[in-house]
Amino acid sequence: KYICISEFASGPIKQWNNRFGWEKLIQMLKLYGYEIVSISKEKSDLKGITKLNGDLPLSNRAWYLKHCDFFIGMSSGLSWLSWACNTKVVMISGVTIKENEFSQDCVRIYNDSVCHGCWNSEQHADKFTVFAKTLCPENKNWECSRKISPKMVIDKIKENNLI
């Protein structure tokens, strides 16, 4: 049994900016007997996972998504591809509001006690016309995702009976 992941999105603003989030989450998921398969185009530096990264055909990624137990990712194209493959998605996203993406077969993890949802804010619309690699519109160092803990992710996965 395996879970597909992608730790990347179109920029840091959409990624999980918890410094140790992925490492700790992978450790927790392995305790449940899962193999973790990284399917992003970008190279992963995570340890203890199967890496199917690189410039592979999208059909290869779709095959792995179709056969995994679920996918964990960001507000990104691979989350949409997973959903299109009828695979449940665990989406870690503080930058978008929950209505921004699909809701069916999607478990959203966000922390509404901190700054969140700037991607959908009219106040910041002009700042997203071009992706700036270091842009946090509120200058809060991406607290929207940084303050999502691995425990929050695991708790939501359990709450939705995915493990």
N, C-alpha and C. Protein backbone atom coordinates (compact mmCIF):
# COMPACT_ATOMS: atom_id res chain seq x y z
N LYS A 1 0.85 -1.18 0.00
CA LYS A 1 0.00 0.00 0.00
C LYS A 1 0.88 1.23 0.00
N TYR A 2 0.47 2.21 -0.78
CA TYR A 2 1.29 3.41 -0.89
C TYR A 2 0.43 4.66 -1.02
N ILE A 3 1.08 5.79 -0.72
CA ILE A 3 0.48 7.11 -0.83
C ILE A 3 1.38 7.92 -1.76
N CYS A 4 0.78 8.63 -2.70
CA CYS A 4 1.56 9.54 -3.54
C CYS A 4 1.58 10.92 -2.89
N ILE A 5 2.69 11.60 -3.08
CA ILE A 5 2.82 12.97 -2.58
C ILE A 5 3.47 13.85 -3.64
N SER A 6 3.24 15.14 -3.50
CA SER A 6 4.03 16.13 -4.20
C SER A 6 4.20 17.29 -3.25
N GLU A 7 5.42 17.59 -2.92
CA GLU A 7 5.72 18.68 -1.99
C GLU A 7 5.84 20.02 -2.69
N PHE A 8 5.62 20.03 -4.01
CA PHE A 8 5.84 21.24 -4.79
C PHE A 8 4.56 21.78 -5.40
N ALA A 9 4.60 23.06 -5.72
CA ALA A 9 3.52 23.76 -6.43
C ALA A 9 4.20 24.81 -7.29
N SER A 10 3.43 25.73 -7.82
CA SER A 10 3.99 26.72 -8.73
C SER A 10 4.87 27.77 -8.05
N GLY A 11 4.96 27.75 -6.75
CA GLY A 11 5.83 28.67 -6.04
C GLY A 11 5.72 28.46 -4.54
N PRO A 12 6.64 29.02 -3.77
CA PRO A 12 6.63 28.83 -2.31
C PRO A 12 5.32 29.25 -1.64
N ILE A 13 4.63 30.20 -2.22
CA ILE A 13 3.39 30.66 -1.61
C ILE A 13 2.35 29.54 -1.54
N LYS A 14 2.41 28.59 -2.46
CA LYS A 14 1.43 27.50 -2.50
C LYS A 14 1.96 26.23 -1.82
N GLN A 15 3.23 26.19 -1.43
CA GLN A 15 3.82 25.00 -0.83
C GLN A 15 3.58 24.96 0.67
N TRP A 16 3.84 23.80 1.26
CA TRP A 16 3.72 23.64 2.71
C TRP A 16 5.02 24.15 3.30
N ASN A 17 4.98 25.32 3.89
CA ASN A 17 6.18 25.98 4.38
C ASN A 17 6.53 25.66 5.82
N ASN A 18 6.01 24.57 6.34
CA ASN A 18 6.42 24.08 7.65
C ASN A 18 7.76 23.38 7.44
N ARG A 19 8.79 23.91 8.05
CA ARG A 19 10.16 23.46 7.77
C ARG A 19 10.37 21.95 7.90
N PHE A 20 9.74 21.32 8.88
CA PHE A 20 9.93 19.89 9.08
C PHE A 20 8.66 19.10 8.80
N GLY A 21 7.67 19.75 8.19
CA GLY A 21 6.37 19.14 7.96
C GLY A 21 6.41 17.83 7.19
N TRP A 22 7.03 17.85 6.03
CA TRP A 22 7.06 16.64 5.21
C TRP A 22 7.82 15.50 5.88
N GLU A 23 8.98 15.83 6.47
CA GLU A 23 9.78 14.79 7.13
C GLU A 23 8.98 14.09 8.22
N LYS A 24 8.34 14.87 9.08
CA LYS A 24 7.59 14.30 10.20
C LYS A 24 6.35 13.57 9.71
N LEU A 25 5.67 14.12 8.70
CA LEU A 25 4.49 13.46 8.16
C LEU A 25 4.85 12.10 7.57
N ILE A 26 5.95 12.04 6.83
CA ILE A 26 6.39 10.77 6.24
C ILE A 26 6.69 9.76 7.33
N GLN A 27 7.37 10.17 8.39
CA GLN A 27 7.64 9.27 9.52
C GLN A 27 6.34 8.72 10.10
N MET A 28 5.35 9.59 10.27
CA MET A 28 4.07 9.17 10.84
C MET A 28 3.36 8.18 9.92
N LEU A 29 3.33 8.46 8.62
CA LEU A 29 2.64 7.59 7.67
C LEU A 29 3.31 6.23 7.56
N LYS A 30 4.62 6.20 7.69
CA LYS A 30 5.34 4.93 7.64
C LYS A 30 4.98 4.04 8.84
N LEU A 31 4.66 4.67 9.97
CA LEU A 31 4.22 3.90 11.14
C LEU A 31 2.92 3.14 10.86
N TYR A 32 2.16 3.62 9.89
CA TYR A 32 0.92 2.95 9.49
C TYR A 32 1.17 1.96 8.35
N GLY A 33 2.42 1.75 8.00
CA GLY A 33 2.77 0.75 7.00
C GLY A 33 2.73 1.22 5.55
N TYR A 34 2.69 2.51 5.33
CA TYR A 34 2.61 3.03 3.97
C TYR A 34 3.98 3.27 3.37
N GLU A 35 4.10 2.97 2.08
CA GLU A 35 5.23 3.43 1.29
C GLU A 35 4.82 4.80 0.75
N ILE A 36 5.75 5.72 0.70
CA ILE A 36 5.48 7.07 0.22
C ILE A 36 6.17 7.23 -1.13
N VAL A 37 5.41 7.66 -2.15
CA VAL A 37 5.92 7.80 -3.50
C VAL A 37 5.81 9.26 -3.94
N SER A 38 6.93 9.89 -4.19
CA SER A 38 6.96 11.27 -4.67
C SER A 38 6.87 11.26 -6.19
N ILE A 39 5.87 11.99 -6.72
CA ILE A 39 5.63 11.95 -8.16
C ILE A 39 5.77 13.32 -8.84
N SER A 40 6.34 14.28 -8.16
CA SER A 40 6.46 15.61 -8.75
C SER A 40 7.56 15.66 -9.81
N LYS A 41 7.45 16.63 -10.67
CA LYS A 41 8.48 16.83 -11.68
C LYS A 41 9.78 17.28 -11.02
N GLU A 42 9.64 18.10 -9.97
CA GLU A 42 10.80 18.63 -9.26
C GLU A 42 11.49 17.53 -8.45
N LYS A 43 12.78 17.68 -8.28
CA LYS A 43 13.58 16.73 -7.50
C LYS A 43 13.24 16.87 -6.01
N SER A 44 13.05 15.75 -5.35
CA SER A 44 12.77 15.76 -3.92
C SER A 44 14.03 15.41 -3.13
N ASP A 45 14.23 16.13 -2.03
CA ASP A 45 15.34 15.82 -1.13
C ASP A 45 14.88 15.04 0.09
N LEU A 46 13.60 14.65 0.11
CA LEU A 46 13.08 13.89 1.25
C LEU A 46 13.74 12.52 1.31
N LYS A 47 13.89 12.03 2.52
CA LYS A 47 14.53 10.73 2.74
C LYS A 47 13.47 9.66 3.03
N GLY A 48 13.80 8.41 2.71
CA GLY A 48 12.94 7.29 3.05
C GLY A 48 11.69 7.16 2.20
N ILE A 49 11.72 7.71 1.00
CA ILE A 49 10.58 7.62 0.10
C ILE A 49 11.03 7.06 -1.24
N THR A 50 10.07 6.61 -2.05
CA THR A 50 10.34 6.21 -3.42
C THR A 50 10.21 7.46 -4.28
N LYS A 51 11.21 7.74 -5.08
CA LYS A 51 11.22 8.97 -5.87
C LYS A 51 11.00 8.64 -7.35
N LEU A 52 9.86 9.07 -7.84
CA LEU A 52 9.55 8.96 -9.26
C LEU A 52 9.44 10.38 -9.83
N ASN A 53 10.45 11.17 -9.52
CA ASN A 53 10.48 12.56 -9.91
C ASN A 53 11.18 12.71 -11.26
N GLY A 54 11.00 13.85 -11.86
CA GLY A 54 11.70 14.14 -13.10
C GLY A 54 10.72 14.42 -14.23
N ASP A 55 11.27 14.53 -15.39
CA ASP A 55 10.51 14.88 -16.58
C ASP A 55 9.90 13.62 -17.19
N LEU A 56 8.94 13.05 -16.49
CA LEU A 56 8.25 11.83 -16.94
C LEU A 56 6.90 12.20 -17.56
N PRO A 57 6.37 11.34 -18.40
CA PRO A 57 5.05 11.62 -18.96
C PRO A 57 3.98 11.74 -17.86
N LEU A 58 3.05 12.64 -18.08
CA LEU A 58 1.95 12.81 -17.13
C LEU A 58 1.17 11.52 -16.95
N SER A 59 1.11 10.70 -17.98
CA SER A 59 0.40 9.43 -17.90
C SER A 59 1.02 8.50 -16.84
N ASN A 60 2.34 8.57 -16.65
CA ASN A 60 2.99 7.79 -15.59
C ASN A 60 2.51 8.24 -14.22
N ARG A 61 2.46 9.54 -14.02
CA ARG A 61 1.98 10.08 -12.74
C ARG A 61 0.52 9.68 -12.52
N ALA A 62 -0.28 9.76 -13.58
CA ALA A 62 -1.70 9.40 -13.47
C ALA A 62 -1.85 7.93 -13.07
N TRP A 63 -1.00 7.06 -13.62
CA TRP A 63 -1.08 5.64 -13.27
C TRP A 63 -0.84 5.44 -11.78
N TYR A 64 0.20 6.07 -11.25
CA TYR A 64 0.50 5.94 -9.82
C TYR A 64 -0.61 6.54 -8.97
N LEU A 65 -1.16 7.66 -9.41
CA LEU A 65 -2.27 8.28 -8.67
C LEU A 65 -3.50 7.39 -8.66
N LYS A 66 -3.79 6.78 -9.78
CA LYS A 66 -4.98 5.92 -9.89
C LYS A 66 -4.89 4.73 -8.93
N HIS A 67 -3.70 4.25 -8.64
CA HIS A 67 -3.53 3.04 -7.85
C HIS A 67 -3.11 3.27 -6.39
N CYS A 68 -2.89 4.52 -6.00
CA CYS A 68 -2.48 4.77 -4.61
C CYS A 68 -3.72 4.86 -3.71
N ASP A 69 -3.48 4.78 -2.40
CA ASP A 69 -4.59 4.89 -1.45
C ASP A 69 -5.14 6.31 -1.40
N PHE A 70 -4.27 7.30 -1.46
CA PHE A 70 -4.66 8.70 -1.57
C PHE A 70 -3.43 9.53 -1.90
N PHE A 71 -3.66 10.79 -2.24
CA PHE A 71 -2.61 11.70 -2.64
C PHE A 71 -2.55 12.85 -1.63
N ILE A 72 -1.34 13.27 -1.27
CA ILE A 72 -1.16 14.44 -0.41
C ILE A 72 -0.38 15.48 -1.21
N GLY A 73 -0.96 16.66 -1.33
CA GLY A 73 -0.30 17.72 -2.08
C GLY A 73 -0.83 19.08 -1.74
N MET A 74 -0.56 20.01 -2.61
CA MET A 74 -0.91 21.42 -2.43
C MET A 74 -2.04 21.79 -3.37
N SER A 75 -2.33 23.08 -3.41
CA SER A 75 -3.23 23.62 -4.41
C SER A 75 -2.43 23.67 -5.71
N SER A 76 -2.44 22.55 -6.44
CA SER A 76 -1.58 22.43 -7.62
C SER A 76 -2.21 21.50 -8.64
N GLY A 77 -1.56 21.43 -9.78
CA GLY A 77 -2.04 20.58 -10.87
C GLY A 77 -2.10 19.10 -10.52
N LEU A 78 -1.15 18.61 -9.73
CA LEU A 78 -1.19 17.19 -9.38
C LEU A 78 -2.36 16.85 -8.47
N SER A 79 -2.81 17.81 -7.67
CA SER A 79 -4.03 17.58 -6.88
C SER A 79 -5.23 17.43 -7.80
N TRP A 80 -5.30 18.28 -8.82
CA TRP A 80 -6.40 18.19 -9.78
C TRP A 80 -6.30 16.88 -10.58
N LEU A 81 -5.09 16.47 -10.96
CA LEU A 81 -4.93 15.21 -11.69
C LEU A 81 -5.36 14.04 -10.82
N SER A 82 -4.98 14.06 -9.57
CA SER A 82 -5.39 13.00 -8.64
C SER A 82 -6.91 12.92 -8.55
N TRP A 83 -7.54 14.06 -8.40
CA TRP A 83 -9.00 14.13 -8.33
C TRP A 83 -9.62 13.58 -9.62
N ALA A 84 -9.03 13.92 -10.77
CA ALA A 84 -9.52 13.42 -12.05
C ALA A 84 -9.36 11.90 -12.16
N CYS A 85 -8.40 11.34 -11.42
CA CYS A 85 -8.19 9.89 -11.40
C CYS A 85 -9.09 9.20 -10.38
N ASN A 86 -10.01 9.96 -9.77
CA ASN A 86 -10.91 9.44 -8.72
C ASN A 86 -10.15 8.95 -7.50
N THR A 87 -9.05 9.61 -7.20
CA THR A 87 -8.26 9.30 -6.01
C THR A 87 -8.47 10.42 -5.00
N LYS A 88 -8.69 10.03 -3.76
CA LYS A 88 -8.90 11.03 -2.71
C LYS A 88 -7.66 11.91 -2.58
N VAL A 89 -7.90 13.18 -2.31
CA VAL A 89 -6.84 14.17 -2.20
C VAL A 89 -6.82 14.75 -0.79
N VAL A 90 -5.64 14.79 -0.20
CA VAL A 90 -5.42 15.51 1.05
C VAL A 90 -4.63 16.75 0.64
N MET A 91 -5.30 17.91 0.72
CA MET A 91 -4.70 19.14 0.23
C MET A 91 -4.30 20.05 1.39
N ILE A 92 -3.01 20.35 1.45
CA ILE A 92 -2.47 21.25 2.46
C ILE A 92 -2.38 22.63 1.81
N SER A 93 -3.25 23.54 2.22
CA SER A 93 -3.25 24.85 1.57
C SER A 93 -3.81 25.91 2.50
N GLY A 94 -3.00 26.88 2.78
CA GLY A 94 -3.47 28.03 3.54
C GLY A 94 -3.63 29.25 2.67
N VAL A 95 -3.01 29.23 1.51
CA VAL A 95 -3.01 30.40 0.64
C VAL A 95 -4.34 30.60 -0.08
N THR A 96 -5.07 29.51 -0.35
CA THR A 96 -6.36 29.61 -1.02
C THR A 96 -7.49 29.37 -0.02
N ILE A 97 -8.66 29.89 -0.35
CA ILE A 97 -9.84 29.58 0.46
C ILE A 97 -10.36 28.21 0.01
N LYS A 98 -11.12 27.56 0.87
CA LYS A 98 -11.54 26.18 0.57
C LYS A 98 -12.42 26.10 -0.67
N GLU A 99 -13.09 27.17 -1.04
CA GLU A 99 -13.95 27.14 -2.23
C GLU A 99 -13.15 27.30 -3.53
N ASN A 100 -11.85 27.52 -3.43
CA ASN A 100 -11.01 27.72 -4.61
C ASN A 100 -10.84 26.44 -5.42
N GLU A 101 -10.78 25.31 -4.74
CA GLU A 101 -10.58 24.03 -5.41
C GLU A 101 -11.83 23.15 -5.26
N PHE A 102 -11.75 21.99 -5.85
CA PHE A 102 -12.83 21.00 -5.75
C PHE A 102 -13.03 20.59 -4.29
N SER A 103 -14.20 20.13 -3.96
CA SER A 103 -14.46 19.72 -2.57
C SER A 103 -14.78 18.23 -2.46
N GLN A 104 -15.28 17.64 -3.51
CA GLN A 104 -15.61 16.21 -3.47
C GLN A 104 -14.32 15.38 -3.43
N ASP A 105 -14.28 14.42 -2.53
CA ASP A 105 -13.10 13.55 -2.35
C ASP A 105 -11.83 14.34 -2.05
N CYS A 106 -11.99 15.45 -1.35
CA CYS A 106 -10.86 16.29 -0.98
C CYS A 106 -10.92 16.61 0.51
N VAL A 107 -9.86 16.30 1.21
CA VAL A 107 -9.72 16.67 2.61
C VAL A 107 -8.76 17.85 2.65
N ARG A 108 -9.29 19.01 3.01
CA ARG A 108 -8.48 20.22 3.06
C ARG A 108 -7.91 20.42 4.45
N ILE A 109 -6.64 20.73 4.51
CA ILE A 109 -6.01 21.05 5.77
C ILE A 109 -5.55 22.50 5.69
N TYR A 110 -6.08 23.30 6.57
CA TYR A 110 -5.69 24.70 6.66
C TYR A 110 -5.82 25.12 8.11
N ASN A 111 -5.22 26.22 8.44
CA ASN A 111 -5.26 26.73 9.81
C ASN A 111 -5.94 28.09 9.75
N ASP A 112 -7.22 28.13 10.11
CA ASP A 112 -7.94 29.40 10.01
C ASP A 112 -7.71 30.33 11.20
N SER A 113 -6.81 29.93 12.11
CA SER A 113 -6.49 30.82 13.23
C SER A 113 -5.32 31.75 12.91
N VAL A 114 -4.77 31.60 11.69
CA VAL A 114 -3.69 32.48 11.24
C VAL A 114 -4.08 33.09 9.90
N CYS A 115 -3.26 33.97 9.40
CA CYS A 115 -3.48 34.60 8.10
C CYS A 115 -3.67 33.49 7.05
N HIS A 116 -4.69 33.62 6.22
CA HIS A 116 -4.93 32.61 5.18
C HIS A 116 -5.82 33.19 4.08
N GLY A 117 -5.80 32.56 2.91
CA GLY A 117 -6.70 32.90 1.83
C GLY A 117 -6.31 34.10 0.99
N CYS A 118 -5.07 34.56 1.06
CA CYS A 118 -4.68 35.77 0.31
C CYS A 118 -4.79 35.58 -1.20
N TRP A 119 -4.64 34.36 -1.67
CA TRP A 119 -4.73 34.08 -3.11
C TRP A 119 -6.07 34.53 -3.68
N ASN A 120 -7.10 34.50 -2.85
CA ASN A 120 -8.45 34.84 -3.29
C ASN A 120 -8.88 36.24 -2.83
N SER A 121 -7.98 37.00 -2.29
CA SER A 121 -8.29 38.32 -1.76
C SER A 121 -8.18 39.39 -2.85
N GLU A 122 -9.22 40.20 -3.00
CA GLU A 122 -9.16 41.31 -3.95
C GLU A 122 -8.02 42.27 -3.59
N GLN A 123 -7.75 42.39 -2.31
CA GLN A 123 -6.69 43.28 -1.83
C GLN A 123 -5.33 42.92 -2.43
N HIS A 124 -5.12 41.64 -2.71
CA HIS A 124 -3.81 41.18 -3.18
C HIS A 124 -3.81 40.71 -4.64
N ALA A 125 -4.92 40.87 -5.34
CA ALA A 125 -5.04 40.33 -6.70
C ALA A 125 -3.92 40.80 -7.62
N ASP A 126 -3.52 42.05 -7.53
CA ASP A 126 -2.48 42.57 -8.41
C ASP A 126 -1.11 41.93 -8.16
N LYS A 127 -0.90 41.38 -6.97
CA LYS A 127 0.40 40.81 -6.62
C LYS A 127 0.61 39.43 -7.22
N PHE A 128 -0.46 38.79 -7.69
CA PHE A 128 -0.35 37.42 -8.20
C PHE A 128 -0.34 37.34 -9.72
N THR A 129 -0.22 38.47 -10.38
CA THR A 129 -0.16 38.44 -11.84
C THR A 129 1.14 37.80 -12.31
N VAL A 130 2.17 37.93 -11.53
CA VAL A 130 3.46 37.29 -11.81
C VAL A 130 3.90 36.61 -10.52
N PHE A 131 4.33 35.35 -10.63
CA PHE A 131 4.77 34.63 -9.44
C PHE A 131 6.09 35.19 -8.94
N ALA A 132 6.08 35.70 -7.74
CA ALA A 132 7.31 36.15 -7.09
C ALA A 132 7.70 35.06 -6.10
N LYS A 133 8.89 34.56 -6.22
CA LYS A 133 9.32 33.42 -5.40
C LYS A 133 9.32 33.71 -3.91
N THR A 134 9.44 34.96 -3.53
CA THR A 134 9.53 35.29 -2.11
C THR A 134 8.32 36.06 -1.60
N LEU A 135 7.26 36.07 -2.37
CA LEU A 135 6.11 36.90 -2.03
C LEU A 135 5.20 36.28 -0.98
N CYS A 136 5.11 36.93 0.15
CA CYS A 136 4.03 36.69 1.11
C CYS A 136 3.34 38.05 1.22
N PRO A 137 2.14 38.20 0.65
CA PRO A 137 1.53 39.52 0.56
C PRO A 137 1.33 40.22 1.90
N GLU A 138 1.19 39.45 2.95
CA GLU A 138 1.00 40.04 4.28
C GLU A 138 2.30 40.15 5.06
N ASN A 139 3.42 39.76 4.42
CA ASN A 139 4.74 39.78 5.07
C ASN A 139 4.75 39.00 6.38
N LYS A 140 4.14 37.82 6.36
CA LYS A 140 4.08 36.98 7.55
C LYS A 140 4.80 35.64 7.33
N ASN A 141 5.72 35.63 6.37
CA ASN A 141 6.56 34.46 6.12
C ASN A 141 5.71 33.20 5.93
N TRP A 142 4.67 33.31 5.16
CA TRP A 142 3.80 32.19 4.80
C TRP A 142 3.24 31.44 6.00
N GLU A 143 2.83 32.19 7.02
CA GLU A 143 2.30 31.51 8.20
C GLU A 143 1.07 30.67 7.88
N CYS A 144 0.39 30.98 6.77
CA CYS A 144 -0.81 30.23 6.40
C CYS A 144 -0.51 28.75 6.25
N SER A 145 0.65 28.40 5.75
CA SER A 145 1.00 26.98 5.64
C SER A 145 2.05 26.57 6.67
N ARG A 146 2.90 27.50 7.05
CA ARG A 146 3.95 27.19 8.02
C ARG A 146 3.35 26.72 9.34
N LYS A 147 2.17 27.24 9.67
CA LYS A 147 1.54 26.90 10.95
C LYS A 147 0.51 25.77 10.80
N ILE A 148 0.67 24.97 9.78
CA ILE A 148 -0.06 23.71 9.65
C ILE A 148 0.92 22.62 10.08
N SER A 149 0.60 21.93 11.13
CA SER A 149 1.53 20.93 11.67
C SER A 149 1.27 19.56 11.04
N PRO A 150 2.29 18.69 11.06
CA PRO A 150 2.09 17.32 10.60
C PRO A 150 0.97 16.62 11.38
N LYS A 151 0.84 16.93 12.68
CA LYS A 151 -0.23 16.33 13.48
C LYS A 151 -1.60 16.76 12.97
N MET A 152 -1.73 18.02 12.55
CA MET A 152 -3.00 18.48 11.97
C MET A 152 -3.33 17.67 10.72
N VAL A 153 -2.33 17.38 9.91
CA VAL A 153 -2.54 16.61 8.69
C VAL A 153 -2.96 15.19 9.03
N ILE A 154 -2.21 14.53 9.90
CA ILE A 154 -2.54 13.15 10.29
C ILE A 154 -3.92 13.08 10.93
N ASP A 155 -4.22 14.02 11.81
CA ASP A 155 -5.54 14.02 12.47
C ASP A 155 -6.67 14.11 11.44
N LYS A 156 -6.52 14.95 10.41
CA LYS A 156 -7.55 15.07 9.38
C LYS A 156 -7.64 13.81 8.53
N ILE A 157 -6.49 13.19 8.27
CA ILE A 157 -6.47 11.93 7.51
C ILE A 157 -7.23 10.86 8.29
N LYS A 158 -6.97 10.77 9.58
CA LYS A 158 -7.66 9.79 10.43
C LYS A 158 -9.15 10.11 10.55
N GLU A 159 -9.45 11.38 10.76
CA GLU A 159 -10.84 11.82 10.91
C GLU A 159 -11.68 11.46 9.68
N ASN A 160 -11.04 11.42 8.52
CA ASN A 160 -11.73 11.07 7.27
C ASN A 160 -11.54 9.61 6.87
N ASN A 161 -11.08 8.80 7.82
CA ASN A 161 -10.95 7.34 7.64
C ASN A 161 -10.10 6.94 6.43
N LEU A 162 -9.06 7.72 6.17
CA LEU A 162 -8.16 7.35 5.09
C LEU A 162 -7.09 6.37 5.56
N ILE A 163 -6.79 6.40 6.86
CA ILE A 163 -5.89 5.39 7.46
C ILE A 163 -6.55 4.88 8.74
